[in-house]
Amino acid sequence: MRVGRLVRDALTALGVAAVEAGMRVRYFSAVDLVEDLYRGLADDGVGKILDGLLRADLVICDELGFAPPDAKGSQLLFRFAAAMYERRSLAIGTHWPFEEWGRFFPEAVTATPLLDRVLRRATAVVTGGESFRIKQARSRSAPRPKGASAPSAAKAARSEPR
């Protein structure tokens, strides 16, 4: 799933629906997941962390690629995806199209097998269009037509909910 409009809301709704259906769900940003796996490296506990993640029926990993991992982080993400492969459900949110995953992994060779495992039996939901927040920012800074004035502070204060 690519980040575009309301992706985090969609992932959250997916997680809530899964919990309501009696499933165990874990939610991470990709950065937090990699940091947890790195901590596991320090005490030789990566396998234990992965075993804990496999206890969840669904793992949601959001913001993949916002802060690209280093080579070791990429290997840890691959190890995570390989552990989840055909054993548990995995939902991923990212702003990167699949064909560009090699750009945010330090070794493009890691992206191909990772995608292979993630997409094998996946349902990909690709959103398009401009981010809601960017669209809002543009509309606030759009030039006003001639003769239109900015709303006065008093009028703006009256229109705000109290």
Protein backbone atom coordinates (compact mmCIF):
# COMPACT_ATOMS: atom_id res chain seq x y z
CA MET A 1 0.00 0.00 0.00
CA ARG A 2 1.44 3.39 -0.91
CA VAL A 3 1.06 6.44 1.22
CA GLY A 4 -1.17 8.89 -0.54
CA ARG A 5 -4.42 9.71 1.17
CA LEU A 6 -5.46 8.36 4.54
CA VAL A 7 -3.21 5.27 4.37
CA ARG A 8 -2.48 5.34 8.09
CA ASP A 9 -6.24 5.50 8.69
CA ALA A 10 -6.74 2.50 6.41
CA LEU A 11 -4.02 0.51 8.19
CA THR A 12 -5.46 1.48 11.57
CA ALA A 13 -8.96 0.47 10.47
CA LEU A 14 -7.59 -2.85 9.22
CA GLY A 15 -5.94 -3.42 12.59
CA VAL A 16 -9.08 -2.49 14.53
CA ALA A 17 -11.23 -4.80 12.38
CA ALA A 18 -8.74 -7.62 12.92
CA VAL A 19 -8.79 -7.08 16.70
CA GLU A 20 -12.60 -7.00 16.68
CA ALA A 21 -12.50 -10.32 14.79
CA GLY A 22 -10.43 -11.80 17.60
CA MET A 23 -7.01 -11.55 15.95
CA ARG A 24 -3.80 -10.47 17.66
CA VAL A 25 -2.32 -7.40 15.97
CA ARG A 26 0.99 -5.53 16.27
CA TYR A 27 1.58 -2.08 14.75
CA PHE A 28 5.02 -0.56 14.11
CA SER A 29 6.55 2.20 12.10
CA ALA A 30 9.29 0.64 9.97
CA VAL A 31 11.88 2.66 11.90
CA ASP A 32 10.64 1.29 15.24
CA LEU A 33 10.60 -2.26 13.89
CA VAL A 34 14.19 -1.98 12.65
CA GLU A 35 15.26 -0.41 15.96
CA ASP A 36 13.67 -3.31 17.89
CA LEU A 37 15.48 -5.80 15.65
CA TYR A 38 18.76 -3.90 16.12
CA ARG A 39 18.34 -4.12 19.89
CA GLY A 40 17.90 -7.85 19.40
CA LEU A 41 21.26 -7.99 17.64
CA ALA A 42 22.95 -6.52 20.71
CA ASP A 43 21.91 -9.43 22.92
CA ASP A 44 21.56 -12.14 20.24
CA GLY A 45 17.77 -11.93 20.58
CA VAL A 46 16.58 -11.27 17.01
CA GLY A 47 15.13 -14.78 16.82
CA LYS A 48 13.23 -14.18 20.06
CA ILE A 49 11.83 -10.89 18.74
CA LEU A 50 10.75 -12.58 15.51
CA ASP A 51 9.12 -15.40 17.48
CA GLY A 52 7.19 -12.78 19.44
CA LEU A 53 6.03 -11.12 16.22
CA LEU A 54 4.90 -14.49 14.86
CA ARG A 55 2.49 -14.75 17.80
CA ALA A 56 0.49 -11.93 16.19
CA ASP A 57 -1.97 -12.85 13.47
CA LEU A 58 -1.37 -9.52 11.71
CA VAL A 59 1.67 -7.26 11.82
CA ILE A 60 1.27 -3.75 10.43
CA CYS A 61 4.46 -1.98 9.34
CA ASP A 62 3.85 1.64 8.39
CA GLU A 63 6.10 4.29 6.83
CA LEU A 64 8.48 1.88 5.12
CA GLY A 65 11.06 3.94 3.24
CA PHE A 66 10.49 7.27 5.02
CA ALA A 67 13.82 6.80 6.77
CA PRO A 68 15.69 4.34 4.56
CA PRO A 69 17.44 1.59 6.52
CA ASP A 70 21.17 0.98 6.34
CA ALA A 71 22.51 -2.33 4.97
CA LYS A 72 22.11 -4.16 8.30
CA GLY A 73 18.61 -2.72 8.78
CA SER A 74 17.67 -3.93 5.29
CA GLN A 75 18.89 -7.41 6.15
CA LEU A 76 16.87 -7.33 9.36
CA LEU A 77 13.74 -6.27 7.45
CA PHE A 78 14.32 -9.12 5.02
CA ARG A 79 14.71 -11.55 7.90
CA PHE A 80 11.44 -10.23 9.34
CA ALA A 81 9.60 -10.61 6.00
CA ALA A 82 11.05 -14.11 5.55
CA ALA A 83 9.84 -15.10 9.03
CA MET A 84 6.34 -13.78 8.28
CA TYR A 85 6.25 -15.32 4.79
CA GLU A 86 3.14 -17.48 4.37
CA ARG A 87 2.81 -17.80 8.15
CA ARG A 88 1.21 -14.54 9.23
CA SER A 89 -0.55 -11.57 7.67
CA LEU A 90 1.53 -8.49 6.99
CA ALA A 91 0.28 -5.01 6.03
CA ILE A 92 2.79 -2.44 4.83
CA GLY A 93 2.36 1.29 4.27
CA THR A 94 4.90 3.11 2.09
CA HIS A 95 5.09 6.04 -0.29
CA TRP A 96 7.38 4.10 -2.65
CA PRO A 97 5.99 2.27 -5.70
CA PHE A 98 7.18 -1.35 -5.78
CA GLU A 99 9.44 -0.80 -8.77
CA GLU A 100 11.39 1.83 -6.81
CA TRP A 101 12.04 -0.15 -3.62
CA GLY A 102 15.61 -0.68 -4.79
CA ARG A 103 16.14 3.08 -4.37
CA PHE A 104 15.57 3.22 -0.61
CA PHE A 105 17.32 -0.03 0.28
CA PRO A 106 21.11 0.39 0.28
CA GLU A 107 21.45 -2.84 -1.68
CA ALA A 108 18.90 -3.18 -4.47
CA VAL A 109 19.49 -6.92 -4.33
CA THR A 110 17.67 -6.95 -0.95
CA ALA A 111 14.55 -5.33 -2.39
CA THR A 112 13.79 -8.09 -4.91
CA PRO A 113 13.59 -11.05 -2.52
CA LEU A 114 11.83 -8.89 0.06
CA LEU A 115 9.18 -7.90 -2.49
CA ASP A 116 8.94 -11.52 -3.62
CA ARG A 117 7.94 -12.58 -0.12
CA VAL A 118 5.70 -9.60 0.56
CA LEU A 119 3.77 -9.76 -2.73
CA ARG A 120 3.50 -13.54 -3.27
CA ARG A 121 -0.07 -13.83 -2.01
CA ALA A 122 -0.73 -10.16 -1.39
CA THR A 123 -3.54 -7.84 -2.14
CA ALA A 124 -1.87 -4.57 -3.08
CA VAL A 125 -3.87 -1.40 -2.53
CA VAL A 126 -2.21 1.44 -4.38
CA THR A 127 -3.56 4.87 -3.62
CA GLY A 128 -2.92 7.79 -5.88
CA GLY A 129 -3.17 11.47 -5.86
CA GLU A 130 -1.88 14.18 -3.65
CA SER A 131 -1.52 13.90 0.10
CA PHE A 132 -4.46 15.38 2.01
CA ARG A 133 -2.14 17.57 4.11
CA ILE A 134 -0.31 18.90 1.05
CA LYS A 135 -3.62 19.64 -0.66
CA GLN A 136 -4.81 21.54 2.44
CA ALA A 137 -1.59 23.55 2.63
CA ARG A 138 -1.86 24.50 -1.03
CA SER A 139 -5.45 25.65 -0.65
CA ARG A 140 -4.49 27.85 2.34
CA SER A 141 -1.68 29.50 0.42
CA ALA A 142 -3.50 29.83 -2.91
CA PRO A 143 -3.66 33.38 -4.25
CA ARG A 144 -7.00 35.09 -3.66
CA PRO A 145 -9.01 36.46 -6.58
CA LYS A 146 -8.83 40.23 -7.12
CA GLY A 147 -11.12 42.11 -4.81
CA ALA A 148 -11.28 39.28 -2.26
CA SER A 149 -9.84 40.09 1.09
CA ALA A 150 -8.58 37.77 3.76
CA PRO A 151 -11.14 37.05 6.48
CA SER A 152 -10.77 39.40 9.40
CA ALA A 153 -9.47 38.07 12.69
CA ALA A 154 -12.83 38.85 14.33
CA LYS A 155 -14.76 36.90 11.70
CA ALA A 156 -12.32 33.98 11.92
CA ALA A 157 -12.62 33.93 15.71
CA ARG A 158 -16.45 33.87 15.49
CA SER A 159 -16.42 30.95 13.05
CA GLU A 160 -14.17 28.72 15.15
CA PRO A 161 -15.93 26.12 17.30
CA ARG A 162 -15.75 26.77 21.01
